[in-house]
PDB file of all heavy atoms in Angstrom:
ATOM      1  N   ILE A   1       3.119-119.619-108.358  1.00  0.00           N
ATOM      2  CA  ILE A   1       2.885-120.486-109.517  1.00  0.00           C
ATOM      3  C   ILE A   1       1.394-120.799-109.642  1.00  0.00           C
ATOM      4  O   ILE A   1       0.816-120.748-110.740  1.00  0.00           O
ATOM      5  CB  ILE A   1       3.708-121.788-109.404  1.00  0.00           C
ATOM      6  CG1 ILE A   1       5.207-121.494-109.564  1.00  0.00           C
ATOM      7  CG2 ILE A   1       3.260-122.804-110.453  1.00  0.00           C
ATOM      8  CD1 ILE A   1       6.103-122.693-109.325  1.00  0.00           C
ATOM      9  N   LEU A   2       0.756-121.092-108.518  1.00  0.00           N
ATOM     10  CA  LEU A   2      -0.678-121.374-108.532  1.00  0.00           C
ATOM     11  C   LEU A   2      -1.484-120.140-108.931  1.00  0.00           C
ATOM     12  O   LEU A   2      -2.477-120.239-109.668  1.00  0.00           O
ATOM     13  CB  LEU A   2      -1.123-121.878-107.157  1.00  0.00           C
ATOM     14  CG  LEU A   2      -0.556-123.242-106.731  1.00  0.00           C
ATOM     15  CD1 LEU A   2      -0.960-123.566-105.296  1.00  0.00           C
ATOM     16  CD2 LEU A   2      -1.021-124.344-107.679  1.00  0.00           C
ATOM     17  N   ALA A   3      -1.058-118.962-108.448  1.00  0.00           N
ATOM     18  CA  ALA A   3      -1.763-117.722-108.793  1.00  0.00           C
ATOM     19  C   ALA A   3      -1.659-117.432-110.290  1.00  0.00           C
ATOM     20  O   ALA A   3      -2.647-117.036-110.926  1.00  0.00           O
ATOM     21  CB  ALA A   3      -1.186-116.564-107.983  1.00  0.00           C
ATOM     22  N   LEU A   4      -0.485-117.624-110.870  1.00  0.00           N
ATOM     23  CA  LEU A   4      -0.309-117.407-112.309  1.00  0.00           C
ATOM     24  C   LEU A   4      -1.141-118.406-113.112  1.00  0.00           C
ATOM     25  O   LEU A   4      -1.721-118.069-114.149  1.00  0.00           O
ATOM     26  CB  LEU A   4       1.170-117.526-112.684  1.00  0.00           C
ATOM     27  CG  LEU A   4       2.081-116.370-112.242  1.00  0.00           C
ATOM     28  CD1 LEU A   4       3.540-116.699-112.532  1.00  0.00           C
ATOM     29  CD2 LEU A   4       1.691-115.072-112.945  1.00  0.00           C
ATOM     30  N   THR A   5      -1.202-119.645-112.615  1.00  0.00           N
ATOM     31  CA  THR A   5      -2.013-120.659-113.290  1.00  0.00           C
ATOM     32  C   THR A   5      -3.488-120.264-113.269  1.00  0.00           C
ATOM     33  O   THR A   5      -4.192-120.385-114.287  1.00  0.00           O
ATOM     34  CB  THR A   5      -1.826-122.024-112.610  1.00  0.00           C
ATOM     35  OG1 THR A   5      -0.428-122.361-112.604  1.00  0.00           O
ATOM     36  CG2 THR A   5      -2.597-123.112-113.343  1.00  0.00           C
ATOM     37  N   LEU A   6      -3.961-119.782-112.129  1.00  0.00           N
ATOM     38  CA  LEU A   6      -5.345-119.312-112.025  1.00  0.00           C
ATOM     39  C   LEU A   6      -5.608-118.151-112.982  1.00  0.00           C
ATOM     40  O   LEU A   6      -6.661-118.092-113.632  1.00  0.00           O
ATOM     41  CB  LEU A   6      -5.656-118.886-110.591  1.00  0.00           C
ATOM     42  CG  LEU A   6      -7.043-118.258-110.354  1.00  0.00           C
ATOM     43  CD1 LEU A   6      -8.145-119.266-110.678  1.00  0.00           C
ATOM     44  CD2 LEU A   6      -7.163-117.755-108.923  1.00  0.00           C
ATOM     45  N   MET A   7      -4.650-117.243-113.089  1.00  0.00           N
ATOM     46  CA  MET A   7      -4.819-116.088-113.971  1.00  0.00           C
ATOM     47  C   MET A   7      -4.941-116.516-115.439  1.00  0.00           C
ATOM     48  O   MET A   7      -5.661-115.882-116.213  1.00  0.00           O
ATOM     49  CB  MET A   7      -3.656-115.114-113.808  1.00  0.00           C
ATOM     50  CG  MET A   7      -3.761-114.217-112.584  1.00  0.00           C
ATOM     51  SD  MET A   7      -5.236-113.165-112.609  1.00  0.00           S
ATOM     52  CE  MET A   7      -4.934-112.165-114.066  1.00  0.00           C
ATOM     53  N   THR A   8      -4.261-117.578-115.831  1.00  0.00           N
ATOM     54  CA  THR A   8      -4.402-118.049-117.214  1.00  0.00           C
ATOM     55  C   THR A   8      -5.812-118.598-117.464  1.00  0.00           C
ATOM     56  O   THR A   8      -6.255-118.667-118.601  1.00  0.00           O
ATOM     57  CB  THR A   8      -3.369-119.133-117.570  1.00  0.00           C
ATOM     58  OG1 THR A   8      -3.592-120.295-116.769  1.00  0.00           O
ATOM     59  CG2 THR A   8      -1.952-118.633-117.361  1.00  0.00           C
ATOM     60  N   TYR A   9      -6.496-118.977-116.395  1.00  0.00           N
ATOM     61  CA  TYR A   9      -7.859-119.502-116.517  1.00  0.00           C
ATOM     62  C   TYR A   9      -8.886-118.384-116.663  1.00  0.00           C
ATOM     63  O   TYR A   9      -9.878-118.523-117.384  1.00  0.00           O
ATOM     64  CB  TYR A   9      -8.182-120.350-115.283  1.00  0.00           C
ATOM     65  CG  TYR A   9      -9.502-121.091-115.358  1.00  0.00           C
ATOM     66  CD1 TYR A   9      -9.627-122.252-116.103  1.00  0.00           C
ATOM     67  CD2 TYR A   9     -10.619-120.619-114.669  1.00  0.00           C
ATOM     68  CE1 TYR A   9     -10.835-122.930-116.175  1.00  0.00           C
ATOM     69  CE2 TYR A   9     -11.833-121.289-114.725  1.00  0.00           C
ATOM     70  CZ  TYR A   9     -11.937-122.445-115.484  1.00  0.00           C
ATOM     71  OH  TYR A   9     -13.140-123.114-115.554  1.00  0.00           O
ATOM     72  N   ILE A  10      -8.641-117.231-116.009  1.00  0.00           N
ATOM     73  CA  ILE A  10      -9.653-116.171-115.954  1.00  0.00           C
ATOM     74  C   ILE A  10      -9.254-114.898-116.686  1.00  0.00           C
ATOM     75  O   ILE A  10     -10.059-113.978-116.805  1.00  0.00           O
ATOM     76  CB  ILE A  10     -10.011-115.828-114.488  1.00  0.00           C
ATOM     77  CG1 ILE A  10      -8.780-115.287-113.735  1.00  0.00           C
ATOM     78  CG2 ILE A  10     -10.589-117.041-113.776  1.00  0.00           C
ATOM     79  CD1 ILE A  10      -9.078-114.834-112.313  1.00  0.00           C
ATOM     80  N   GLY A  11      -8.018-114.816-117.188  1.00  0.00           N
ATOM     81  CA  GLY A  11      -7.556-113.609-117.856  1.00  0.00           C
ATOM     82  C   GLY A  11      -7.735-113.676-119.362  1.00  0.00           C
ATOM     83  O   GLY A  11      -7.515-114.723-119.980  1.00  0.00           O
ATOM     84  N   GLN A  12      -8.102-112.565-119.971  1.00  0.00           N
ATOM     85  CA  GLN A  12      -8.390-112.550-121.408  1.00  0.00           C
ATOM     86  C   GLN A  12      -7.162-112.832-122.254  1.00  0.00           C
ATOM     87  O   GLN A  12      -7.205-113.623-123.198  1.00  0.00           O
ATOM     88  CB  GLN A  12      -8.982-111.195-121.806  1.00  0.00           C
ATOM     89  CG  GLN A  12      -9.310-111.100-123.300  1.00  0.00           C
ATOM     90  CD  GLN A  12      -9.861-109.749-123.698  1.00  0.00           C
ATOM     91  OE1 GLN A  12      -9.945-108.839-122.887  1.00  0.00           O
ATOM     92  NE2 GLN A  12     -10.224-109.603-124.964  1.00  0.00           N
ATOM     93  N   THR A  13      -6.033-112.182-121.926  1.00  0.00           N
ATOM     94  CA  THR A  13      -4.839-112.306-122.768  1.00  0.00           C
ATOM     95  C   THR A  13      -4.333-113.739-122.819  1.00  0.00           C
ATOM     96  O   THR A  13      -3.779-114.172-123.834  1.00  0.00           O
ATOM     97  CB  THR A  13      -3.725-111.374-122.255  1.00  0.00           C
ATOM     98  OG1 THR A  13      -4.253-110.055-122.112  1.00  0.00           O
ATOM     99  CG2 THR A  13      -2.560-111.334-123.224  1.00  0.00           C
ATOM    100  N   ALA A  14      -4.533-114.493-121.725  1.00  0.00           N
ATOM    101  CA  ALA A  14      -4.051-115.876-121.670  1.00  0.00           C
ATOM    102  C   ALA A  14      -4.953-116.839-122.428  1.00  0.00           C
ATOM    103  O   ALA A  14      -4.576-117.995-122.649  1.00  0.00           O
ATOM    104  CB  ALA A  14      -3.914-116.324-120.220  1.00  0.00           C
ATOM    105  N   GLY A  15      -6.138-116.385-122.838  1.00  0.00           N
ATOM    106  CA  GLY A  15      -7.023-117.234-123.637  1.00  0.00           C
ATOM    107  C   GLY A  15      -7.641-118.379-122.882  1.00  0.00           C
ATOM    108  O   GLY A  15      -7.931-119.425-123.471  1.00  0.00           O
ATOM    109  N   GLY A  16      -7.856-118.204-121.575  1.00  0.00           N
ATOM    110  CA  GLY A  16      -8.455-119.260-120.777  1.00  0.00           C
ATOM    111  C   GLY A  16      -9.929-119.452-121.053  1.00  0.00           C
ATOM    112  O   GLY A  16     -10.551-118.676-121.797  1.00  0.00           O
ATOM    113  N   PRO A  17     -10.539-120.486-120.456  1.00  0.00           N
ATOM    114  CA  PRO A  17     -11.945-120.799-120.731  1.00  0.00           C
ATOM    115  C   PRO A  17     -12.932-119.761-120.204  1.00  0.00           C
ATOM    116  O   PRO A  17     -14.056-119.675-120.685  1.00  0.00           O
ATOM    117  CB  PRO A  17     -12.149-122.156-120.040  1.00  0.00           C
ATOM    118  CG  PRO A  17     -11.003-122.328-119.117  1.00  0.00           C
ATOM    119  CD  PRO A  17      -9.887-121.507-119.613  1.00  0.00           C
ATOM    120  N   ILE A  18     -12.524-118.995-119.182  1.00  0.00           N
ATOM    121  CA  ILE A  18     -13.420-117.979-118.604  1.00  0.00           C
ATOM    122  C   ILE A  18     -12.711-116.626-118.622  1.00  0.00           C
ATOM    123  O   ILE A  18     -11.583-116.516-118.131  1.00  0.00           O
ATOM    124  CB  ILE A  18     -13.812-118.332-117.159  1.00  0.00           C
ATOM    125  CG1 ILE A  18     -14.547-119.668-117.113  1.00  0.00           C
ATOM    126  CG2 ILE A  18     -14.685-117.230-116.552  1.00  0.00           C
ATOM    127  CD1 ILE A  18     -14.872-120.136-115.710  1.00  0.00           C
ATOM    128  N   THR A  19     -13.353-115.608-119.168  1.00  0.00           N
ATOM    129  CA  THR A  19     -12.756-114.275-119.186  1.00  0.00           C
ATOM    130  C   THR A  19     -13.415-113.418-118.114  1.00  0.00           C
ATOM    131  O   THR A  19     -14.416-112.739-118.352  1.00  0.00           O
ATOM    132  CB  THR A  19     -12.921-113.602-120.564  1.00  0.00           C
ATOM    133  OG1 THR A  19     -12.317-114.431-121.553  1.00  0.00           O
ATOM    134  CG2 THR A  19     -12.248-112.238-120.581  1.00  0.00           C
ATOM    135  N   LEU A  20     -12.834-113.461-116.915  1.00  0.00           N
ATOM    136  CA  LEU A  20     -13.331-112.630-115.826  1.00  0.00           C
ATOM    137  C   LEU A  20     -12.611-111.284-115.770  1.00  0.00           C
ATOM    138  O   LEU A  20     -13.167-110.301-115.282  1.00  0.00           O
ATOM    139  CB  LEU A  20     -13.170-113.359-114.481  1.00  0.00           C
ATOM    140  CG  LEU A  20     -13.992-114.643-114.281  1.00  0.00           C
ATOM    141  CD1 LEU A  20     -13.756-115.211-112.887  1.00  0.00           C
ATOM    142  CD2 LEU A  20     -15.473-114.368-114.500  1.00  0.00           C
ATOM    143  N   ILE A  21     -11.358-111.290-116.257  1.00  0.00           N
ATOM    144  CA  ILE A  21     -10.564-110.053-116.218  1.00  0.00           C
ATOM    145  C   ILE A  21     -10.135-109.726-117.647  1.00  0.00           C
ATOM    146  O   ILE A  21      -9.259-110.387-118.202  1.00  0.00           O
ATOM    147  CB  ILE A  21      -9.324-110.205-115.313  1.00  0.00           C
ATOM    148  CG1 ILE A  21      -9.729-110.751-113.935  1.00  0.00           C
ATOM    149  CG2 ILE A  21      -8.611-108.868-115.156  1.00  0.00           C
ATOM    150  CD1 ILE A  21      -8.558-111.000-113.004  1.00  0.00           C
ATOM    151  N   PRO A  22     -10.736-108.705-118.260  1.00  0.00           N
ATOM    152  CA  PRO A  22     -10.404-108.371-119.646  1.00  0.00           C
ATOM    153  C   PRO A  22      -9.069-107.637-119.743  1.00  0.00           C
ATOM    154  O   PRO A  22      -8.541-107.118-118.757  1.00  0.00           O
ATOM    155  CB  PRO A  22     -11.564-107.457-120.071  1.00  0.00           C
ATOM    156  CG  PRO A  22     -12.003-106.809-118.794  1.00  0.00           C
ATOM    157  CD  PRO A  22     -11.801-107.836-117.720  1.00  0.00           C
ATOM    158  N   PHE A  23      -8.531-107.589-120.978  1.00  0.00           N
ATOM    159  CA  PHE A  23      -7.346-106.786-121.257  1.00  0.00           C
ATOM    160  C   PHE A  23      -7.759-105.315-121.272  1.00  0.00           C
ATOM    161  O   PHE A  23      -8.833-104.985-121.768  1.00  0.00           O
ATOM    162  CB  PHE A  23      -6.754-107.189-122.617  1.00  0.00           C
ATOM    163  CG  PHE A  23      -5.571-106.369-123.042  1.00  0.00           C
ATOM    164  CD1 PHE A  23      -4.305-106.706-122.609  1.00  0.00           C
ATOM    165  CD2 PHE A  23      -5.721-105.258-123.867  1.00  0.00           C
ATOM    166  CE1 PHE A  23      -3.208-105.953-123.002  1.00  0.00           C
ATOM    167  CE2 PHE A  23      -4.630-104.499-124.261  1.00  0.00           C
ATOM    168  CZ  PHE A  23      -3.374-104.845-123.825  1.00  0.00           C
ATOM    169  N   PRO A  24      -6.975-104.370-120.696  1.00  0.00           N
ATOM    170  CA  PRO A  24      -5.623-104.517-120.141  1.00  0.00           C
ATOM    171  C   PRO A  24      -5.583-104.749-118.636  1.00  0.00           C
ATOM    172  O   PRO A  24      -4.511-104.754-118.038  1.00  0.00           O
ATOM    173  CB  PRO A  24      -4.984-103.173-120.490  1.00  0.00           C
ATOM    174  CG  PRO A  24      -6.118-102.210-120.341  1.00  0.00           C
ATOM    175  CD  PRO A  24      -7.354-102.940-120.816  1.00  0.00           C
ATOM    176  N   TRP A  25      -6.789-104.935-118.021  1.00  0.00           N
ATOM    177  CA  TRP A  25      -6.810-105.072-116.569  1.00  0.00           C
ATOM    178  C   TRP A  25      -6.138-106.354-116.110  1.00  0.00           C
ATOM    179  O   TRP A  25      -5.599-106.429-115.001  1.00  0.00           O
ATOM    180  CB  TRP A  25      -8.250-104.995-116.074  1.00  0.00           C
ATOM    181  CG  TRP A  25      -8.898-103.685-116.420  1.00  0.00           C
ATOM    182  CD1 TRP A  25      -9.899-103.466-117.323  1.00  0.00           C
ATOM    183  CD2 TRP A  25      -8.541-102.401-115.902  1.00  0.00           C
ATOM    184  NE1 TRP A  25     -10.194-102.132-117.410  1.00  0.00           N
ATOM    185  CE2 TRP A  25      -9.372-101.442-116.544  1.00  0.00           C
ATOM    186  CE3 TRP A  25      -7.602-101.955-114.976  1.00  0.00           C
ATOM    187  CZ2 TRP A  25      -9.300-100.089-116.276  1.00  0.00           C
ATOM    188  CZ3 TRP A  25      -7.518-100.599-114.707  1.00  0.00           C
ATOM    189  CH2 TRP A  25      -8.362 -99.685-115.341  1.00  0.00           C
ATOM    190  N   ASP A  26      -6.184-107.380-116.942  1.00  0.00           N
ATOM    191  CA  ASP A  26      -5.494-108.613-116.556  1.00  0.00           C
ATOM    192  C   ASP A  26      -3.990-108.391-116.460  1.00  0.00           C
ATOM    193  O   ASP A  26      -3.327-108.917-115.562  1.00  0.00           O
ATOM    194  CB  ASP A  26      -5.829-109.747-117.518  1.00  0.00           C
ATOM    195  CG  ASP A  26      -5.454-109.447-118.966  1.00  0.00           C
ATOM    196  OD1 ASP A  26      -5.295-108.261-119.316  1.00  0.00           O
ATOM    197  OD2 ASP A  26      -5.330-110.408-119.765  1.00  0.00           O
ATOM    198  N   MET A  27      -3.444-107.567-117.369  1.00  0.00           N
ATOM    199  CA  MET A  27      -2.009-107.264-117.311  1.00  0.00           C
ATOM    200  C   MET A  27      -1.670-106.440-116.069  1.00  0.00           C
ATOM    201  O   MET A  27      -0.603-106.596-115.470  1.00  0.00           O
ATOM    202  CB  MET A  27      -1.587-106.521-118.576  1.00  0.00           C
ATOM    203  CG  MET A  27      -1.720-107.327-119.858  1.00  0.00           C
ATOM    204  SD  MET A  27      -0.853-108.911-119.786  1.00  0.00           S
ATOM    205  CE  MET A  27       0.812-108.352-119.430  1.00  0.00           C
ATOM    206  N   ALA A  28      -2.587-105.557-115.685  1.00  0.00           N
ATOM    207  CA  ALA A  28      -2.380-104.765-114.469  1.00  0.00           C
ATOM    208  C   ALA A  28      -2.352-105.678-113.242  1.00  0.00           C
ATOM    209  O   ALA A  28      -1.513-105.510-112.338  1.00  0.00           O
ATOM    210  CB  ALA A  28      -3.487-103.719-114.329  1.00  0.00           C
ATOM    211  N   VAL A  29      -3.243-106.674-113.210  1.00  0.00           N
ATOM    212  CA  VAL A  29      -3.269-107.621-112.099  1.00  0.00           C
ATOM    213  C   VAL A  29      -1.970-108.426-112.038  1.00  0.00           C
ATOM    214  O   VAL A  29      -1.386-108.618-110.959  1.00  0.00           O
ATOM    215  CB  VAL A  29      -4.484-108.575-112.216  1.00  0.00           C
ATOM    216  CG1 VAL A  29      -4.397-109.699-111.179  1.00  0.00           C
ATOM    217  CG2 VAL A  29      -5.783-107.804-112.038  1.00  0.00           C
ATOM    218  N   ILE A  30      -1.503-108.902-113.193  1.00  0.00           N
ATOM    219  CA  ILE A  30      -0.247-109.657-113.232  1.00  0.00           C
ATOM    220  C   ILE A  30       0.909-108.790-112.718  1.00  0.00           C
ATOM    221  O   ILE A  30       1.767-109.258-111.957  1.00  0.00           O
ATOM    222  CB  ILE A  30       0.053-110.154-114.665  1.00  0.00           C
ATOM    223  CG1 ILE A  30      -0.959-111.210-115.101  1.00  0.00           C
ATOM    224  CG2 ILE A  30       1.474-110.701-114.779  1.00  0.00           C
ATOM    225  CD1 ILE A  30      -0.877-112.513-114.323  1.00  0.00           C
TER     226      ILE A  30
END
């Protein structure tokens, strides 16, 4: 749960404040 929450912060698709992992790589990480 904590890992998914962190991913929403740094993943592009989730629209978080920081985009460290762009699409589609964020989906690959998930």
